[in-house]
Amino acid sequence: MKKLISYGSISLSLFLFQLVYHHFSHGVSSASLRYAWLIMAGAGLIWWLVGRLFSNKQLRLSSNLYHSGLACFITWCLLNGVLEIAGSDSPYLWLYVLLGGGFICSSLITLGWKEKRMR
């Protein structure tokens, strides 16, 4: 329940941010900024479901990697949206997508690892 509240409040904050930003953008909009909150809400729902399937000890490393990847994707969405509205671009934005995908793939790989037992 705590995870759902956290993801919900972050999604709501992103939604309100994009509303305010689009209000003051003089009619220019950006799809990546407009839908960043949906990525957060969907990712939160997916991770909540994954948490129901695996034990807490297996989830610690995977959770850290997953949330790092999610932070990269959300940062990319926000920066890309702001730069699109400003009429600019950056050659380095693809690094956020690459790192985010790498972190999320790593989190999925670590979910399959077996727990090591201490003797």
Protein backbone atom coordinates (compact mmCIF):
# COMPACT_ATOMS: atom_id res chain seq x y z
CA MET A 1 0.00 0.00 0.00
CA LYS A 2 2.89 2.33 0.84
CA LYS A 3 4.35 1.81 -2.65
CA LEU A 4 1.07 2.67 -4.33
CA ILE A 5 0.78 5.87 -2.31
CA SER A 6 4.36 6.83 -3.19
CA TYR A 7 3.92 6.19 -6.89
CA GLY A 8 0.54 7.89 -6.86
CA SER A 9 1.85 11.04 -5.21
CA ILE A 10 4.82 11.24 -7.59
CA SER A 11 2.52 10.69 -10.58
CA LEU A 12 0.18 13.41 -9.31
CA SER A 13 3.13 15.79 -8.88
CA LEU A 14 4.30 15.10 -12.44
CA PHE A 15 0.76 15.61 -13.72
CA LEU A 16 0.44 18.96 -11.95
CA PHE A 17 3.91 20.01 -13.16
CA GLN A 18 3.02 19.34 -16.79
CA LEU A 19 -0.30 21.17 -16.42
CA VAL A 20 1.39 24.28 -15.06
CA TYR A 21 4.23 24.08 -17.58
CA HIS A 22 1.84 23.72 -20.52
CA HIS A 23 -0.29 26.58 -19.19
CA PHE A 24 2.66 28.96 -19.41
CA SER A 25 4.11 27.55 -22.66
CA HIS A 26 2.09 29.85 -24.97
CA GLY A 27 0.19 27.05 -26.71
CA VAL A 28 3.22 24.85 -27.44
CA SER A 29 2.98 21.31 -26.09
CA SER A 30 5.16 18.24 -25.83
CA ALA A 31 3.96 14.65 -25.75
CA SER A 32 6.91 13.44 -23.65
CA LEU A 33 6.21 16.04 -20.97
CA ARG A 34 2.46 15.55 -21.14
CA TYR A 35 2.61 11.79 -20.56
CA ALA A 36 5.54 11.49 -18.12
CA TRP A 37 3.09 10.94 -15.27
CA LEU A 38 1.59 7.94 -17.08
CA ILE A 39 5.01 6.30 -17.28
CA MET A 40 5.40 6.75 -13.54
CA ALA A 41 1.93 5.41 -12.77
CA GLY A 42 2.35 2.40 -15.07
CA ALA A 43 5.82 1.61 -13.76
CA GLY A 44 4.54 1.83 -10.19
CA LEU A 45 1.73 -0.57 -10.91
CA ILE A 46 4.12 -3.02 -12.59
CA TRP A 47 6.58 -2.89 -9.70
CA TRP A 48 3.81 -3.35 -7.15
CA LEU A 49 2.71 -6.50 -9.00
CA VAL A 50 6.32 -7.76 -9.18
CA GLY A 51 6.63 -7.19 -5.43
CA ARG A 52 3.72 -9.53 -4.89
CA LEU A 53 5.52 -12.33 -6.75
CA PHE A 54 9.01 -12.21 -5.22
CA SER A 55 10.43 -12.15 -1.69
CA ASN A 56 11.81 -8.97 -0.14
CA LYS A 57 15.42 -10.22 -0.16
CA GLN A 58 15.30 -10.77 -3.90
CA LEU A 59 13.76 -7.38 -4.48
CA ARG A 60 16.35 -5.08 -2.86
CA LEU A 61 18.94 -4.99 -5.70
CA SER A 62 16.27 -5.28 -8.38
CA SER A 63 14.28 -2.49 -6.78
CA ASN A 64 17.28 -0.15 -6.72
CA LEU A 65 18.09 -0.88 -10.37
CA TYR A 66 14.44 -0.53 -11.43
CA HIS A 67 13.99 2.80 -9.69
CA SER A 68 17.28 4.10 -11.12
CA GLY A 69 16.06 3.20 -14.61
CA LEU A 70 12.70 4.78 -13.95
CA ALA A 71 14.41 7.97 -12.75
CA CYS A 72 16.43 8.05 -15.98
CA PHE A 73 13.29 7.67 -18.10
CA ILE A 74 11.35 10.34 -16.19
CA THR A 75 14.32 12.73 -16.37
CA TRP A 76 14.50 12.12 -20.13
CA CYS A 77 10.78 12.83 -20.48
CA LEU A 78 10.97 16.06 -18.53
CA LEU A 79 14.13 17.36 -20.21
CA ASN A 80 12.95 16.34 -23.68
CA GLY A 81 9.59 18.01 -23.09
CA VAL A 82 11.08 21.23 -21.77
CA LEU A 83 13.56 21.39 -24.66
CA GLU A 84 10.83 20.68 -27.23
CA ILE A 85 8.69 23.48 -25.85
CA ALA A 86 11.70 25.81 -25.84
CA GLY A 87 12.43 24.88 -29.48
CA SER A 88 15.80 23.38 -28.67
CA ASP A 89 17.43 19.96 -28.54
CA SER A 90 20.35 18.20 -26.88
CA PRO A 91 22.58 15.54 -28.42
CA TYR A 92 22.93 13.83 -25.03
CA LEU A 93 19.31 12.97 -24.29
CA TRP A 94 19.65 9.49 -25.79
CA LEU A 95 22.00 8.61 -22.89
CA TYR A 96 19.08 8.85 -20.46
CA VAL A 97 17.08 6.34 -22.49
CA LEU A 98 20.09 4.03 -22.87
CA LEU A 99 20.94 4.09 -19.16
CA GLY A 100 17.29 3.74 -18.14
CA GLY A 101 16.84 0.71 -20.37
CA GLY A 102 20.06 -0.80 -19.06
CA PHE A 103 19.03 -0.36 -15.45
CA ILE A 104 15.58 -1.82 -16.03
CA CYS A 105 16.98 -4.80 -17.97
CA SER A 106 19.48 -5.36 -15.15
CA SER A 107 16.68 -5.29 -12.61
CA LEU A 108 14.78 -7.95 -14.55
CA ILE A 109 17.91 -10.10 -14.75
CA THR A 110 18.55 -9.84 -11.00
CA LEU A 111 14.98 -10.90 -10.26
CA GLY A 112 15.88 -14.33 -11.60
CA TRP A 113 18.85 -14.77 -9.29
CA LYS A 114 18.47 -17.31 -6.53
CA GLU A 115 18.84 -16.25 -2.91
CA LYS A 116 22.17 -17.23 -1.37
CA ARG A 117 21.80 -18.88 2.00
CA MET A 118 24.25 -18.22 4.80
CA ARG A 119 25.44 -21.33 6.63
